[in-house]
Amino acid sequence: MREPIAVPDASAPAAGERESRTTLVFAALMLVALLASLDQTIVSTARPTIVGDLGGVEHLSWVVTAYLLASTVVTPLYGKFGDLYGRKRVLQTAIVIFPAGSARAAWRGT
């Protein structure tokens, strides 16, 4: 009995294309990690000013709690939006919104 001949799948990417796609994915993941670390750096830098505007160090725990609570609430929303609209589109939107919001805050000056 003859065994069937394996025909290469025309839709499968070539080895070079697969390698370049993997490099692109890792570069995008590094960009996301950079934006997350920038977010933490910005919040840490702004925290003393926020606490000072609220009236003193005794309000520091409220500032930290508010930030963590906001992050906790937004995380499941990102997951739901990812399910509805696609994770790639949600991630790309977040990557556009973060620098735009940061630039707007920088130009505002207060």
Protein backbone atom coordinates (compact mmCIF):
# COMPACT_ATOMS: atom_id res chain seq x y z
CA MET A 1 0.00 0.00 0.00
CA ARG A 2 1.29 3.43 -0.88
CA GLU A 3 1.58 6.18 1.67
CA PRO A 4 0.16 9.56 0.70
CA ILE A 5 2.66 12.16 -0.39
CA ALA A 6 2.83 15.15 1.92
CA VAL A 7 2.12 18.34 0.01
CA PRO A 8 3.58 21.50 1.61
CA ASP A 9 0.95 23.91 2.85
CA ALA A 10 1.01 27.04 0.69
CA SER A 11 -0.41 29.15 3.51
CA ALA A 12 2.41 28.29 5.94
CA PRO A 13 4.99 31.08 6.25
CA ALA A 14 8.54 30.50 5.08
CA ALA A 15 11.30 30.14 7.65
CA GLY A 16 12.65 33.68 7.07
CA GLU A 17 9.18 35.20 7.26
CA ARG A 18 8.46 33.33 10.49
CA GLU A 19 11.72 34.60 12.02
CA SER A 20 10.99 38.21 11.08
CA ARG A 21 7.45 37.89 12.45
CA THR A 22 8.83 36.52 15.75
CA THR A 23 11.24 39.46 15.95
CA LEU A 24 8.37 41.88 15.36
CA VAL A 25 6.26 40.26 18.10
CA PHE A 26 9.10 40.45 20.61
CA ALA A 27 9.75 44.09 19.70
CA ALA A 28 6.06 44.87 20.28
CA LEU A 29 6.14 43.08 23.64
CA MET A 30 9.22 45.08 24.64
CA LEU A 31 7.39 48.28 23.68
CA VAL A 32 4.47 47.29 25.92
CA ALA A 33 6.86 46.54 28.80
CA LEU A 34 8.53 49.93 28.25
CA LEU A 35 5.17 51.72 28.39
CA ALA A 36 4.24 49.86 31.59
CA SER A 37 7.51 50.84 33.25
CA LEU A 38 7.08 54.45 32.09
CA ASP A 39 3.63 54.47 33.66
CA GLN A 40 5.03 53.31 36.98
CA THR A 41 7.88 55.82 36.79
CA ILE A 42 5.51 58.70 36.05
CA VAL A 43 3.17 57.76 38.88
CA SER A 44 6.04 57.35 41.33
CA THR A 45 7.46 60.73 40.37
CA ALA A 46 4.09 62.50 40.61
CA ARG A 47 3.05 60.86 43.90
CA PRO A 48 4.75 63.39 46.25
CA THR A 49 3.10 66.29 44.39
CA ILE A 50 -0.31 64.63 44.53
CA VAL A 51 0.08 63.89 48.23
CA GLY A 52 1.21 67.47 48.88
CA ASP A 53 -1.85 68.84 47.06
CA LEU A 54 -4.08 66.64 49.21
CA GLY A 55 -2.64 68.03 52.41
CA GLY A 56 0.21 65.86 53.63
CA VAL A 57 1.82 62.47 54.00
CA GLU A 58 -1.13 61.08 55.95
CA HIS A 59 -3.01 60.93 52.62
CA LEU A 60 -0.34 58.83 50.88
CA SER A 61 -2.20 55.59 51.51
CA TRP A 62 -5.31 57.07 49.81
CA VAL A 63 -3.31 57.96 46.71
CA VAL A 64 -1.75 54.50 46.46
CA THR A 65 -5.09 52.80 47.12
CA ALA A 66 -6.86 54.90 44.48
CA TYR A 67 -4.22 54.03 41.87
CA LEU A 68 -4.34 50.32 42.67
CA LEU A 69 -8.15 50.33 42.70
CA ALA A 70 -8.29 52.05 39.31
CA SER A 71 -5.81 49.53 37.88
CA THR A 72 -7.82 46.65 39.33
CA VAL A 73 -11.07 47.92 37.85
CA VAL A 74 -9.62 48.57 34.39
CA THR A 75 -7.90 45.17 34.00
CA PRO A 76 -11.10 43.10 33.55
CA LEU A 77 -12.45 45.78 31.21
CA TYR A 78 -9.40 45.41 28.98
CA GLY A 79 -10.00 41.66 28.99
CA LYS A 80 -13.64 42.06 27.99
CA PHE A 81 -12.78 44.58 25.27
CA GLY A 82 -10.11 42.15 24.05
CA ASP A 83 -12.74 39.42 23.79
CA LEU A 84 -15.17 41.71 21.98
CA TYR A 85 -12.87 43.60 19.61
CA GLY A 86 -9.72 41.47 19.50
CA ARG A 87 -6.67 41.64 21.73
CA LYS A 88 -4.45 43.10 19.02
CA ARG A 89 -6.80 46.02 18.36
CA VAL A 90 -7.24 46.76 22.08
CA LEU A 91 -3.47 46.68 22.66
CA GLN A 92 -2.83 48.96 19.69
CA THR A 93 -5.48 51.39 20.92
CA ALA A 94 -3.93 51.44 24.39
CA ILE A 95 -0.48 52.03 22.88
CA VAL A 96 -1.86 55.06 21.03
CA ILE A 97 -3.86 56.45 23.97
CA PHE A 98 -1.01 56.30 26.50
CA PRO A 99 1.48 58.56 24.65
CA ALA A 100 -1.34 60.87 23.55
CA GLY A 101 -2.49 61.28 27.15
CA SER A 102 1.07 61.74 28.37
CA ALA A 103 1.76 64.40 25.73
CA ARG A 104 -1.47 66.22 26.60
CA ALA A 105 -0.57 66.20 30.28
CA ALA A 106 2.93 67.49 29.50
CA TRP A 107 1.62 70.37 27.39
CA ARG A 108 -0.96 71.31 29.97
CA GLY A 109 1.75 72.13 32.46
CA THR A 110 -0.26 71.65 35.66
